[in-house]
């Protein structure tokens, strides 16, 4: 008996969006890597096309860091998740006193993500890596079902080399140190917040996301002694300073009048009930060094476009009580605590 058995339907997927097949390790995964990732990140280490990269590290000491990025929205005034993924890890390496060399990049992609969106993010990473002088040498891609991820998440890890004469660390922070911030605070958090859906809030503030490679390189070459570097990202300036005070066992006293806060950022924070001291940053750095070198350091930092508004914001005033104080205009002081919750979620 002849039976007409219909062919099993082959599910069709739009060819301009991420599908589950892109994460399956087969032909579509290979096509995504060959047509999107390899052209953007092309270098001799990536072209080894292995499970990892075999690297030459020309130093006895290395710095290694990793970070994950889940910012929402993916694009905001002044940058994108792609910029953040490169700049954030580069700056973490710089804070170790290292010269950043290599990055890995792992992508968690949501089914249905437009390929053009992914392409824009990857191109932003390419530009940021080129500007920072690093190479993306290995990576990974996974795809999750629609609704299990907010577009895409990125993890980057980085390796840098630490010169033998550089020693950056909490153990070096001491009474008398000057505290410098390389640029205005709060710009990144306000920029991201201004694009969040449903807030009805707009501002011209641009994210400060940037790799501070040149600032740190010039600073370490031009100043005889730098004690500590730290980038105040999540939790803002206040939380980062509280971490340093607690771990180093010191009191840090800030001058309220010296804090660099741009007028649009202050206005936005006033409107939304936020304190700029707790708002995230992605392109500034805290510098601790002997007070005698403060003016020399400021001159070096301000000669860089990303450091033109650098400011001496305070000093380490005691080495017995771990706290952060804010000196007010009339001579009073108030304690600046660490952020107790999440003021601005999904900010990086």
C-alpha atoms as a PDB file:
ATOM      1  CA  UNK A   1       0.000   0.000   0.000  1.00  0.00           C
ATOM      2  CA  UNK A   2       1.417   3.352  -1.043  1.00  0.00           C
ATOM      3  CA  UNK A   3       1.234   6.115   1.476  1.00  0.00           C
ATOM      4  CA  UNK A   4       2.013   9.745   0.826  1.00  0.00           C
ATOM      5  CA  UNK A   5       4.070  10.792   3.792  1.00  0.00           C
ATOM      6  CA  UNK A   6       4.547  14.537   3.887  1.00  0.00           C
ATOM      7  CA  UNK A   7       8.051  15.870   4.277  1.00  0.00           C
ATOM      8  CA  UNK A   8       8.921  17.083   7.764  1.00  0.00           C
ATOM      9  CA  UNK A   9       8.853  20.862   7.748  1.00  0.00           C
ATOM     10  CA  UNK A  10      12.226  22.563   8.139  1.00  0.00           C
ATOM     11  CA  UNK A  11      11.936  25.497  10.493  1.00  0.00           C
ATOM     12  CA  UNK A  12      12.973  28.738   8.922  1.00  0.00           C
ATOM     13  CA  UNK A  13      14.697  31.507  10.779  1.00  0.00           C
ATOM     14  CA  UNK A  14      15.295  35.096   9.739  1.00  0.00           C
ATOM     15  CA  UNK A  15      18.801  35.448   8.381  1.00  0.00           C
ATOM     16  CA  UNK A  16      19.280  38.897   9.883  1.00  0.00           C
ATOM     17  CA  UNK A  17      18.896  37.843  13.545  1.00  0.00           C
ATOM     18  CA  UNK A  18      20.669  35.568  15.987  1.00  0.00           C
ATOM     19  CA  UNK A  19      19.120  32.090  16.121  1.00  0.00           C
ATOM     20  CA  UNK A  20      19.765  29.191  18.464  1.00  0.00           C
ATOM     21  CA  UNK A  21      21.692  27.551  15.638  1.00  0.00           C
ATOM     22  CA  UNK A  22      24.298  30.311  15.883  1.00  0.00           C
ATOM     23  CA  UNK A  23      25.233  28.863  19.265  1.00  0.00           C
ATOM     24  CA  UNK A  24      25.095  25.229  18.267  1.00  0.00           C
ATOM     25  CA  UNK A  25      28.731  24.839  17.286  1.00  0.00           C
ATOM     26  CA  UNK A  26      27.907  23.911  13.704  1.00  0.00           C
ATOM     27  CA  UNK A  27      27.871  25.603  10.329  1.00  0.00           C
ATOM     28  CA  UNK A  28      26.016  28.739  11.448  1.00  0.00           C
ATOM     29  CA  UNK A  29      28.350  29.225  14.409  1.00  0.00           C
ATOM     30  CA  UNK A  30      31.307  28.992  12.055  1.00  0.00           C
ATOM     31  CA  UNK A  31      29.711  31.418   9.636  1.00  0.00           C
ATOM     32  CA  UNK A  32      29.088  33.951  12.424  1.00  0.00           C
ATOM     33  CA  UNK A  33      32.703  33.735  13.555  1.00  0.00           C
ATOM     34  CA  UNK A  34      34.124  33.887  10.040  1.00  0.00           C
ATOM     35  CA  UNK A  35      31.980  36.745   8.767  1.00  0.00           C
ATOM     36  CA  UNK A  36      31.532  38.927  11.854  1.00  0.00           C
ATOM     37  CA  UNK A  37      34.093  38.305  14.605  1.00  0.00           C
ATOM     38  CA  UNK A  38      37.246  37.437  12.667  1.00  0.00           C
ATOM     39  CA  UNK A  39      37.112  40.443  10.304  1.00  0.00           C
ATOM     40  CA  UNK A  40      36.565  42.840  13.207  1.00  0.00           C
ATOM     41  CA  UNK A  41      39.200  41.456  15.570  1.00  0.00           C
ATOM     42  CA  UNK A  42      41.743  40.193  13.008  1.00  0.00           C
ATOM     43  CA  UNK A  43      45.240  39.595  14.402  1.00  0.00           C
ATOM     44  CA  UNK A  44      47.838  36.828  14.239  1.00  0.00           C
ATOM     45  CA  UNK A  45      46.883  35.365  17.634  1.00  0.00           C
ATOM     46  CA  UNK A  46      43.188  35.119  16.856  1.00  0.00           C
ATOM     47  CA  UNK A  47      43.975  33.591  13.483  1.00  0.00           C
ATOM     48  CA  UNK A  48      45.507  30.587  15.251  1.00  0.00           C
ATOM     49  CA  UNK A  49      41.839  29.504  15.387  1.00  0.00           C
ATOM     50  CA  UNK A  50      42.436  27.355  18.439  1.00  0.00           C
ATOM     51  CA  UNK A  51      40.522  26.888  21.690  1.00  0.00           C
ATOM     52  CA  UNK A  52      42.814  29.506  23.170  1.00  0.00           C
ATOM     53  CA  UNK A  53      45.628  31.808  22.134  1.00  0.00           C
ATOM     54  CA  UNK A  54      49.318  31.046  22.585  1.00  0.00           C
ATOM     55  CA  UNK A  55      50.888  34.319  23.666  1.00  0.00           C
ATOM     56  CA  UNK A  56      54.291  35.807  24.310  1.00  0.00           C
ATOM     57  CA  UNK A  57      54.414  37.792  27.545  1.00  0.00           C
ATOM     58  CA  UNK A  58      57.644  39.837  27.700  1.00  0.00           C
ATOM     59  CA  UNK A  59      57.857  40.348  31.471  1.00  0.00           C
ATOM     60  CA  UNK A  60      58.337  38.378  34.699  1.00  0.00           C
ATOM     61  CA  UNK A  61      55.146  39.874  36.183  1.00  0.00           C
ATOM     62  CA  UNK A  62      51.712  39.979  34.598  1.00  0.00           C
ATOM     63  CA  UNK A  63      48.376  41.481  35.587  1.00  0.00           C
ATOM     64  CA  UNK A  64      45.210  39.521  34.857  1.00  0.00           C
ATOM     65  CA  UNK A  65      41.649  40.818  35.158  1.00  0.00           C
ATOM     66  CA  UNK A  66      38.131  39.833  34.132  1.00  0.00           C
ATOM     67  CA  UNK A  67      34.823  41.701  34.000  1.00  0.00           C
ATOM     68  CA  UNK A  68      31.277  41.130  32.752  1.00  0.00           C
ATOM     69  CA  UNK A  69      29.012  43.735  31.155  1.00  0.00           C
ATOM     70  CA  UNK A  70      25.217  43.691  31.277  1.00  0.00           C
ATOM     71  CA  UNK A  71      24.425  47.378  30.712  1.00  0.00           C
ATOM     72  CA  UNK A  72      20.918  48.339  29.655  1.00  0.00           C
ATOM     73  CA  UNK A  73      20.384  49.845  27.129  1.00  0.00           C
ATOM     74  CA  UNK A  74      23.102  48.501  24.847  1.00  0.00           C
ATOM     75  CA  UNK A  75      23.712  51.948  23.325  1.00  0.00           C
ATOM     76  CA  UNK A  76      23.742  55.262  25.186  1.00  0.00           C
ATOM     77  CA  UNK A  77      25.082  58.781  24.596  1.00  0.00           C
ATOM     78  CA  UNK A  78      28.845  58.514  24.266  1.00  0.00           C
ATOM     79  CA  UNK A  79      29.196  54.757  23.995  1.00  0.00           C
ATOM     80  CA  UNK A  80      27.853  51.223  24.035  1.00  0.00           C
ATOM     81  CA  UNK A  81      28.289  47.895  25.771  1.00  0.00           C
ATOM     82  CA  UNK A  82      31.106  47.240  23.282  1.00  0.00           C
ATOM     83  CA  UNK A  83      33.139  50.258  24.402  1.00  0.00           C
ATOM     84  CA  UNK A  84      32.571  49.375  28.050  1.00  0.00           C
ATOM     85  CA  UNK A  85      33.671  45.767  27.585  1.00  0.00           C
ATOM     86  CA  UNK A  86      37.067  46.820  26.248  1.00  0.00           C
ATOM     87  CA  UNK A  87      37.664  49.997  28.242  1.00  0.00           C
ATOM     88  CA  UNK A  88      36.566  48.496  31.547  1.00  0.00           C
ATOM     89  CA  UNK A  89      39.039  45.622  31.459  1.00  0.00           C
ATOM     90  CA  UNK A  90      41.838  47.783  30.041  1.00  0.00           C
ATOM     91  CA  UNK A  91      41.386  50.261  32.901  1.00  0.00           C
ATOM     92  CA  UNK A  92      41.402  47.440  35.462  1.00  0.00           C
ATOM     93  CA  UNK A  93      44.794  46.349  34.127  1.00  0.00           C
ATOM     94  CA  UNK A  94      46.074  49.923  34.145  1.00  0.00           C
ATOM     95  CA  UNK A  95      45.097  50.207  37.810  1.00  0.00           C
ATOM     96  CA  UNK A  96      47.560  47.375  38.474  1.00  0.00           C
ATOM     97  CA  UNK A  97      50.300  49.475  36.894  1.00  0.00           C
ATOM     98  CA  UNK A  98      50.327  47.155  33.874  1.00  0.00           C
ATOM     99  CA  UNK A  99      50.641  47.800  30.173  1.00  0.00           C
ATOM    100  CA  UNK A 100      47.549  46.034  28.726  1.00  0.00           C
ATOM    101  CA  UNK A 101      48.300  43.653  25.853  1.00  0.00           C
ATOM    102  CA  UNK A 102      45.642  40.995  25.249  1.00  0.00           C
ATOM    103  CA  UNK A 103      41.908  40.583  25.790  1.00  0.00           C
ATOM    104  CA  UNK A 104      39.465  37.714  25.472  1.00  0.00           C
ATOM    105  CA  UNK A 105      35.823  38.363  24.614  1.00  0.00           C
ATOM    106  CA  UNK A 106      32.913  36.039  25.389  1.00  0.00           C
ATOM    107  CA  UNK A 107      29.396  36.842  24.149  1.00  0.00           C
ATOM    108  CA  UNK A 108      26.064  35.647  25.547  1.00  0.00           C
ATOM    109  CA  UNK A 109      23.554  36.360  22.768  1.00  0.00           C
ATOM    110  CA  UNK A 110      19.773  36.272  22.923  1.00  0.00           C
ATOM    111  CA  UNK A 111      17.833  34.514  20.200  1.00  0.00           C
ATOM    112  CA  UNK A 112      16.335  37.179  17.960  1.00  0.00           C
ATOM    113  CA  UNK A 113      19.081  39.756  18.468  1.00  0.00           C
ATOM    114  CA  UNK A 114      19.507  41.618  15.155  1.00  0.00           C
ATOM    115  CA  UNK A 115      22.826  40.801  13.555  1.00  0.00           C
ATOM    116  CA  UNK A 116      23.234  44.480  12.749  1.00  0.00           C
ATOM    117  CA  UNK A 117      23.091  45.279  16.473  1.00  0.00           C
ATOM    118  CA  UNK A 118      25.780  42.701  17.175  1.00  0.00           C
ATOM    119  CA  UNK A 119      27.841  44.067  14.302  1.00  0.00           C
ATOM    120  CA  UNK A 120      27.681  47.602  15.742  1.00  0.00           C
ATOM    121  CA  UNK A 121      28.778  46.347  19.165  1.00  0.00           C
ATOM    122  CA  UNK A 122      31.667  44.366  17.684  1.00  0.00           C
ATOM    123  CA  UNK A 123      32.815  47.353  15.627  1.00  0.00           C
ATOM    124  CA  UNK A 124      32.744  49.505  18.766  1.00  0.00           C
ATOM    125  CA  UNK A 125      34.943  46.908  20.477  1.00  0.00           C
ATOM    126  CA  UNK A 126      37.325  46.946  17.509  1.00  0.00           C
ATOM    127  CA  UNK A 127      37.682  50.731  17.676  1.00  0.00           C
ATOM    128  CA  UNK A 128      38.113  50.742  21.457  1.00  0.00           C
ATOM    129  CA  UNK A 129      40.752  47.994  21.328  1.00  0.00           C
ATOM    130  CA  UNK A 130      42.689  49.826  18.616  1.00  0.00           C
ATOM    131  CA  UNK A 131      42.594  53.052  20.622  1.00  0.00           C
ATOM    132  CA  UNK A 132      43.751  51.249  23.783  1.00  0.00           C
ATOM    133  CA  UNK A 133      46.538  49.383  21.961  1.00  0.00           C
ATOM    134  CA  UNK A 134      45.295  45.893  22.833  1.00  0.00           C
ATOM    135  CA  UNK A 135      44.418  42.834  20.768  1.00  0.00           C
ATOM    136  CA  UNK A 136      41.361  40.615  21.229  1.00  0.00           C
ATOM    137  CA  UNK A 137      43.007  37.223  20.836  1.00  0.00           C
ATOM    138  CA  UNK A 138      40.403  34.621  21.807  1.00  0.00           C
ATOM    139  CA  UNK A 139      36.717  34.389  22.581  1.00  0.00           C
ATOM    140  CA  UNK A 140      33.510  32.427  22.839  1.00  0.00           C
ATOM    141  CA  UNK A 141      29.879  32.711  21.765  1.00  0.00           C
ATOM    142  CA  UNK A 142      26.784  31.242  23.372  1.00  0.00           C
ATOM    143  CA  UNK A 143      23.128  31.724  22.410  1.00  0.00           C
ATOM    144  CA  UNK A 144      20.204  31.491  24.836  1.00  0.00           C
ATOM    145  CA  UNK A 145      16.476  31.335  24.133  1.00  0.00           C
ATOM    146  CA  UNK A 146      14.489  34.500  23.557  1.00  0.00           C
ATOM    147  CA  UNK A 147      13.655  36.118  26.884  1.00  0.00           C
ATOM    148  CA  UNK A 148      16.605  34.548  28.750  1.00  0.00           C
ATOM    149  CA  UNK A 149      18.996  37.431  28.081  1.00  0.00           C
ATOM    150  CA  UNK A 150      18.530  41.149  27.501  1.00  0.00           C
ATOM    151  CA  UNK A 151      19.971  41.272  23.981  1.00  0.00           C
ATOM    152  CA  UNK A 152      23.561  40.410  24.775  1.00  0.00           C
ATOM    153  CA  UNK A 153      26.039  40.238  27.626  1.00  0.00           C
ATOM    154  CA  UNK A 154      29.806  40.375  27.248  1.00  0.00           C
ATOM    155  CA  UNK A 155      32.660  39.100  29.388  1.00  0.00           C
ATOM    156  CA  UNK A 156      36.192  40.316  28.760  1.00  0.00           C
ATOM    157  CA  UNK A 157      39.390  39.172  30.420  1.00  0.00           C
ATOM    158  CA  UNK A 158      42.743  40.843  29.980  1.00  0.00           C
ATOM    159  CA  UNK A 159      46.464  40.300  30.414  1.00  0.00           C
ATOM    160  CA  UNK A 160      49.050  43.030  30.822  1.00  0.00           C
ATOM    161  CA  UNK A 161      52.695  43.236  31.801  1.00  0.00           C
ATOM    162  CA  UNK A 162      53.910  45.056  34.919  1.00  0.00           C
ATOM    163  CA  UNK A 163      57.311  46.779  34.728  1.00  0.00           C
ATOM    164  CA  UNK A 164      59.717  45.752  37.454  1.00  0.00           C
ATOM    165  CA  UNK A 165      59.978  49.270  38.911  1.00  0.00           C
ATOM    166  CA  UNK A 166      56.204  49.704  39.357  1.00  0.00           C
ATOM    167  CA  UNK A 167      54.500  48.825  42.636  1.00  0.00           C
ATOM    168  CA  UNK A 168      50.847  49.850  42.867  1.00  0.00           C
ATOM    169  CA  UNK A 169      48.759  48.634  45.783  1.00  0.00           C
ATOM    170  CA  UNK A 170      46.639  49.345  48.821  1.00  0.00           C
ATOM    171  CA  UNK A 171      49.586  48.674  51.122  1.00  0.00           C
ATOM    172  CA  UNK A 172      51.253  51.813  49.763  1.00  0.00           C
ATOM    173  CA  UNK A 173      48.424  54.235  50.617  1.00  0.00           C
ATOM    174  CA  UNK A 174      49.498  56.299  53.623  1.00  0.00           C
ATOM    175  CA  UNK A 175      48.850  59.465  55.607  1.00  0.00           C
ATOM    176  CA  UNK A 176      49.812  62.565  53.619  1.00  0.00           C
ATOM    177  CA  UNK A 177      48.969  61.132  50.218  1.00  0.00           C
ATOM    178  CA  UNK A 178      47.173  63.427  47.802  1.00  0.00           C
ATOM    179  CA  UNK A 179      44.026  62.116  46.092  1.00  0.00           C
ATOM    180  CA  UNK A 180      43.472  63.125  42.459  1.00  0.00           C
ATOM    181  CA  UNK A 181      40.541  62.279  40.195  1.00  0.00           C
ATOM    182  CA  UNK A 182      41.307  62.458  36.483  1.00  0.00           C
ATOM    183  CA  UNK A 183      37.944  63.854  35.351  1.00  0.00           C
ATOM    184  CA  UNK A 184      34.368  64.850  36.233  1.00  0.00           C
ATOM    185  CA  UNK A 185      32.272  62.339  38.144  1.00  0.00           C
ATOM    186  CA  UNK A 186      28.861  60.849  37.416  1.00  0.00           C
ATOM    187  CA  UNK A 187      28.778  61.314  33.633  1.00  0.00           C
ATOM    188  CA  UNK A 188      28.434  57.658  32.708  1.00  0.00           C
ATOM    189  CA  UNK A 189      25.627  56.866  35.119  1.00  0.00           C
ATOM    190  CA  UNK A 190      23.598  59.912  34.083  1.00  0.00           C
ATOM    191  CA  UNK A 191      24.158  59.144  30.389  1.00  0.00           C
ATOM    192  CA  UNK A 192      22.869  55.581  30.753  1.00  0.00           C
ATOM    193  CA  UNK A 193      19.998  56.625  32.979  1.00  0.00           C
ATOM    194  CA  UNK A 194      18.871  59.252  30.477  1.00  0.00           C
ATOM    195  CA  UNK A 195      18.196  56.553  27.865  1.00  0.00           C
ATOM    196  CA  UNK A 196      16.293  54.133  30.097  1.00  0.00           C
ATOM    197  CA  UNK A 197      12.740  53.491  28.907  1.00  0.00           C
ATOM    198  CA  UNK A 198       9.885  54.962  30.879  1.00  0.00           C
ATOM    199  CA  UNK A 199      11.883  57.546  32.785  1.00  0.00           C
ATOM    200  CA  UNK A 200      10.858  60.496  30.634  1.00  0.00           C
ATOM    201  CA  UNK A 201      14.267  62.046  31.272  1.00  0.00           C
ATOM    202  CA  UNK A 202      16.659  63.442  28.707  1.00  0.00           C
ATOM    203  CA  UNK A 203      20.050  65.097  28.999  1.00  0.00           C
ATOM    204  CA  UNK A 204      22.971  65.963  26.753  1.00  0.00           C
ATOM    205  CA  UNK A 205      25.461  64.287  29.127  1.00  0.00           C
ATOM    206  CA  UNK A 206      27.807  61.872  27.359  1.00  0.00           C
ATOM    207  CA  UNK A 207      29.279  58.775  28.970  1.00  0.00           C
ATOM    208  CA  UNK A 208      32.937  59.192  29.903  1.00  0.00           C
ATOM    209  CA  UNK A 209      33.810  55.639  28.799  1.00  0.00           C
ATOM    210  CA  UNK A 210      37.446  55.583  27.700  1.00  0.00           C
ATOM    211  CA  UNK A 211      40.627  53.578  28.090  1.00  0.00           C
ATOM    212  CA  UNK A 212      43.062  55.712  30.076  1.00  0.00           C
ATOM    213  CA  UNK A 213      46.159  54.041  28.650  1.00  0.00           C
ATOM    214  CA  UNK A 214      48.036  57.209  27.758  1.00  0.00           C
ATOM    215  CA  UNK A 215      47.270  59.003  31.018  1.00  0.00           C
ATOM    216  CA  UNK A 216      48.567  56.113  33.118  1.00  0.00           C
ATOM    217  CA  UNK A 217      51.580  55.537  30.878  1.00  0.00           C
ATOM    218  CA  UNK A 218      52.608  59.200  31.056  1.00  0.00           C
ATOM    219  CA  UNK A 219      51.899  59.372  34.788  1.00  0.00           C
ATOM    220  CA  UNK A 220      54.001  56.333  35.674  1.00  0.00           C
ATOM    221  CA  UNK A 221      56.824  57.547  33.430  1.00  0.00           C
ATOM    222  CA  UNK A 222      56.752  61.146  34.662  1.00  0.00           C
ATOM    223  CA  UNK A 223      56.116  60.871  38.404  1.00  0.00           C
ATOM    224  CA  UNK A 224      58.711  59.167  40.630  1.00  0.00           C
ATOM    225  CA  UNK A 225      56.199  57.520  42.959  1.00  0.00           C
ATOM    226  CA  UNK A 226      52.533  56.557  42.450  1.00  0.00           C
ATOM    227  CA  UNK A 227      51.009  54.601  45.332  1.00  0.00           C
ATOM    228  CA  UNK A 228      47.546  53.602  44.146  1.00  0.00           C
ATOM    229  CA  UNK A 229      45.282  53.699  41.082  1.00  0.00           C
ATOM    230  CA  UNK A 230      41.603  52.746  41.077  1.00  0.00           C
ATOM    231  CA  UNK A 231      38.692  53.314  38.673  1.00  0.00           C
ATOM    232  CA  UNK A 232      35.464  54.284  40.490  1.00  0.00           C
ATOM    233  CA  UNK A 233      32.877  52.410  38.437  1.00  0.00           C
ATOM    234  CA  UNK A 234      29.838  50.824  40.150  1.00  0.00           C
ATOM    235  CA  UNK A 235      29.000  52.597  43.389  1.00  0.00           C
ATOM    236  CA  UNK A 236      30.792  55.717  42.187  1.00  0.00           C
ATOM    237  CA  UNK A 237      33.520  57.746  43.829  1.00  0.00           C
ATOM    238  CA  UNK A 238      32.205  57.290  47.365  1.00  0.00           C
ATOM    239  CA  UNK A 239      32.023  53.494  47.367  1.00  0.00           C
ATOM    240  CA  UNK A 240      35.452  53.145  45.771  1.00  0.00           C
ATOM    241  CA  UNK A 241      37.064  55.505  48.289  1.00  0.00           C
ATOM    242  CA  UNK A 242      35.374  53.666  51.148  1.00  0.00           C
ATOM    243  CA  UNK A 243      36.793  50.367  49.861  1.00  0.00           C
ATOM    244  CA  UNK A 244      40.280  51.890  49.768  1.00  0.00           C
ATOM    245  CA  UNK A 245      39.903  53.467  53.230  1.00  0.00           C
ATOM    246  CA  UNK A 246      38.694  50.207  54.745  1.00  0.00           C
ATOM    247  CA  UNK A 247      41.295  47.980  53.129  1.00  0.00           C
ATOM    248  CA  UNK A 248      44.210  50.376  53.706  1.00  0.00           C
ATOM    249  CA  UNK A 249      43.052  51.387  57.202  1.00  0.00           C
ATOM    250  CA  UNK A 250      43.147  55.144  56.537  1.00  0.00           C
ATOM    251  CA  UNK A 251      40.955  58.243  56.676  1.00  0.00           C
ATOM    252  CA  UNK A 252      40.409  60.025  53.372  1.00  0.00           C
ATOM    253  CA  UNK A 253      39.184  63.625  53.586  1.00  0.00           C
ATOM    254  CA  UNK A 254      37.654  65.202  50.491  1.00  0.00           C
ATOM    255  CA  UNK A 255      37.171  68.884  49.694  1.00  0.00           C
ATOM    256  CA  UNK A 256      33.577  69.345  48.529  1.00  0.00           C
ATOM    257  CA  UNK A 257      34.477  72.463  46.543  1.00  0.00           C
ATOM    258  CA  UNK A 258      37.173  70.569  44.607  1.00  0.00           C
ATOM    259  CA  UNK A 259      34.917  67.747  43.384  1.00  0.00           C
ATOM    260  CA  UNK A 260      34.572  68.036  39.578  1.00  0.00           C
ATOM    261  CA  UNK A 261      30.849  67.714  38.845  1.00  0.00           C
ATOM    262  CA  UNK A 262      29.548  69.172  35.597  1.00  0.00           C
ATOM    263  CA  UNK A 263      26.422  71.326  35.841  1.00  0.00           C
ATOM    264  CA  UNK A 264      24.169  69.040  33.702  1.00  0.00           C
ATOM    265  CA  UNK A 265      25.152  66.036  35.858  1.00  0.00           C
ATOM    266  CA  UNK A 266      24.421  67.910  39.076  1.00  0.00           C
ATOM    267  CA  UNK A 267      21.085  69.138  37.681  1.00  0.00           C
ATOM    268  CA  UNK A 268      20.084  65.628  36.606  1.00  0.00           C
ATOM    269  CA  UNK A 269      21.017  64.193  40.000  1.00  0.00           C
ATOM    270  CA  UNK A 270      19.043  66.911  41.774  1.00  0.00           C
ATOM    271  CA  UNK A 271      16.019  66.123  39.618  1.00  0.00           C
ATOM    272  CA  UNK A 272      16.237  62.380  40.242  1.00  0.00           C
ATOM    273  CA  UNK A 273      17.258  62.492  43.886  1.00  0.00           C
ATOM    274  CA  UNK A 274      20.721  61.032  43.281  1.00  0.00           C
ATOM    275  CA  UNK A 275      24.072  61.903  44.802  1.00  0.00           C
ATOM    276  CA  UNK A 276      26.815  62.276  42.140  1.00  0.00           C
ATOM    277  CA  UNK A 277      29.291  60.736  44.588  1.00  0.00           C
ATOM    278  CA  UNK A 278      27.490  57.398  44.168  1.00  0.00           C
ATOM    279  CA  UNK A 279      26.903  57.518  40.397  1.00  0.00           C
ATOM    280  CA  UNK A 280      28.986  55.198  38.190  1.00  0.00           C
ATOM    281  CA  UNK A 281      31.944  56.304  36.073  1.00  0.00           C
ATOM    282  CA  UNK A 282      33.705  54.484  33.237  1.00  0.00           C
ATOM    283  CA  UNK A 283      36.479  56.819  32.116  1.00  0.00           C
ATOM    284  CA  UNK A 284      38.104  58.349  35.182  1.00  0.00           C
ATOM    285  CA  UNK A 285      40.652  57.154  37.691  1.00  0.00           C
ATOM    286  CA  UNK A 286      41.627  57.886  41.288  1.00  0.00           C
ATOM    287  CA  UNK A 287      45.333  58.502  41.863  1.00  0.00           C
ATOM    288  CA  UNK A 288      47.020  58.320  45.283  1.00  0.00           C
ATOM    289  CA  UNK A 289      50.571  59.639  45.503  1.00  0.00           C
ATOM    290  CA  UNK A 290      52.810  61.706  47.815  1.00  0.00           C
ATOM    291  CA  UNK A 291      51.531  65.278  48.092  1.00  0.00           C
ATOM    292  CA  UNK A 292      54.865  66.642  46.858  1.00  0.00           C
ATOM    293  CA  UNK A 293      54.152  65.156  43.417  1.00  0.00           C
ATOM    294  CA  UNK A 294      50.516  66.269  43.158  1.00  0.00           C
ATOM    295  CA  UNK A 295      51.058  69.348  40.970  1.00  0.00           C
ATOM    296  CA  UNK A 296      53.435  67.457  38.698  1.00  0.00           C
ATOM    297  CA  UNK A 297      50.865  64.675  38.325  1.00  0.00           C
ATOM    298  CA  UNK A 298      48.044  67.125  37.609  1.00  0.00           C
ATOM    299  CA  UNK A 299      50.113  68.765  34.879  1.00  0.00           C
ATOM    300  CA  UNK A 300      50.728  65.402  33.200  1.00  0.00           C
ATOM    301  CA  UNK A 301      47.108  64.262  33.478  1.00  0.00           C
ATOM    302  CA  UNK A 302      45.643  67.554  32.232  1.00  0.00           C
ATOM    303  CA  UNK A 303      47.778  67.387  29.092  1.00  0.00           C
ATOM    304  CA  UNK A 304      45.656  64.423  27.959  1.00  0.00           C
ATOM    305  CA  UNK A 305      42.179  65.089  26.477  1.00  0.00           C
ATOM    306  CA  UNK A 306      40.624  62.585  28.897  1.00  0.00           C
ATOM    307  CA  UNK A 307      42.263  64.312  31.868  1.00  0.00           C
ATOM    308  CA  UNK A 308      41.806  67.995  31.069  1.00  0.00           C
ATOM    309  CA  UNK A 309      39.463  68.475  34.048  1.00  0.00           C
ATOM    310  CA  UNK A 310      41.510  66.521  36.583  1.00  0.00           C
ATOM    311  CA  UNK A 311      41.320  67.802  40.149  1.00  0.00           C
ATOM    312  CA  UNK A 312      43.068  67.390  43.488  1.00  0.00           C
ATOM    313  CA  UNK A 313      40.065  66.398  45.603  1.00  0.00           C
ATOM    314  CA  UNK A 314      41.547  65.530  48.992  1.00  0.00           C
ATOM    315  CA  UNK A 315      44.183  63.837  51.101  1.00  0.00           C
ATOM    316  CA  UNK A 316      44.763  60.832  53.302  1.00  0.00           C
ATOM    317  CA  UNK A 317      44.561  62.538  56.692  1.00  0.00           C
ATOM    318  CA  UNK A 318      44.842  59.704  59.209  1.00  0.00           C
ATOM    319  CA  UNK A 319      46.192  56.171  59.305  1.00  0.00           C
ATOM    320  CA  UNK A 320      44.141  54.847  62.233  1.00  0.00           C
ATOM    321  CA  UNK A 321      40.454  55.240  61.396  1.00  0.00           C
ATOM    322  CA  UNK A 322      39.130  53.788  58.104  1.00  0.00           C
ATOM    323  CA  UNK A 323      36.526  56.287  56.881  1.00  0.00           C
ATOM    324  CA  UNK A 324      35.819  58.880  54.194  1.00  0.00           C
ATOM    325  CA  UNK A 325      35.002  62.448  55.218  1.00  0.00           C
ATOM    326  CA  UNK A 326      33.674  65.343  53.155  1.00  0.00           C
ATOM    327  CA  UNK A 327      34.929  68.798  54.146  1.00  0.00           C
ATOM    328  CA  UNK A 328      32.120  71.314  53.617  1.00  0.00           C
ATOM    329  CA  UNK A 329      32.430  74.995  52.729  1.00  0.00           C
ATOM    330  CA  UNK A 330      31.911  76.304  56.271  1.00  0.00           C
ATOM    331  CA  UNK A 331      34.423  73.966  57.856  1.00  0.00           C
ATOM    332  CA  UNK A 332      32.084  71.167  58.902  1.00  0.00           C
ATOM    333  CA  UNK A 333      32.701  67.593  57.860  1.00  0.00           C
ATOM    334  CA  UNK A 334      30.326  64.722  57.220  1.00  0.00           C
ATOM    335  CA  UNK A 335      30.962  61.025  56.853  1.00  0.00           C
ATOM    336  CA  UNK A 336      30.549  59.607  53.352  1.00  0.00           C
ATOM    337  CA  UNK A 337      29.378  56.011  53.650  1.00  0.00           C
ATOM    338  CA  UNK A 338      29.579  53.206  51.126  1.00  0.00           C
ATOM    339  CA  UNK A 339      26.516  52.681  48.949  1.00  0.00           C
ATOM    340  CA  UNK A 340      24.241  50.311  50.869  1.00  0.00           C
ATOM    341  CA  UNK A 341      22.163  49.096  47.916  1.00  0.00           C
ATOM    342  CA  UNK A 342      21.982  49.363  44.125  1.00  0.00           C
ATOM    343  CA  UNK A 343      21.303  52.983  43.198  1.00  0.00           C
ATOM    344  CA  UNK A 344      21.494  52.436  39.440  1.00  0.00           C
ATOM    345  CA  UNK A 345      21.264  48.775  38.324  1.00  0.00           C
ATOM    346  CA  UNK A 346      22.599  47.515  34.984  1.00  0.00           C
ATOM    347  CA  UNK A 347      24.953  50.459  34.609  1.00  0.00           C
ATOM    348  CA  UNK A 348      27.939  48.551  33.182  1.00  0.00           C
END
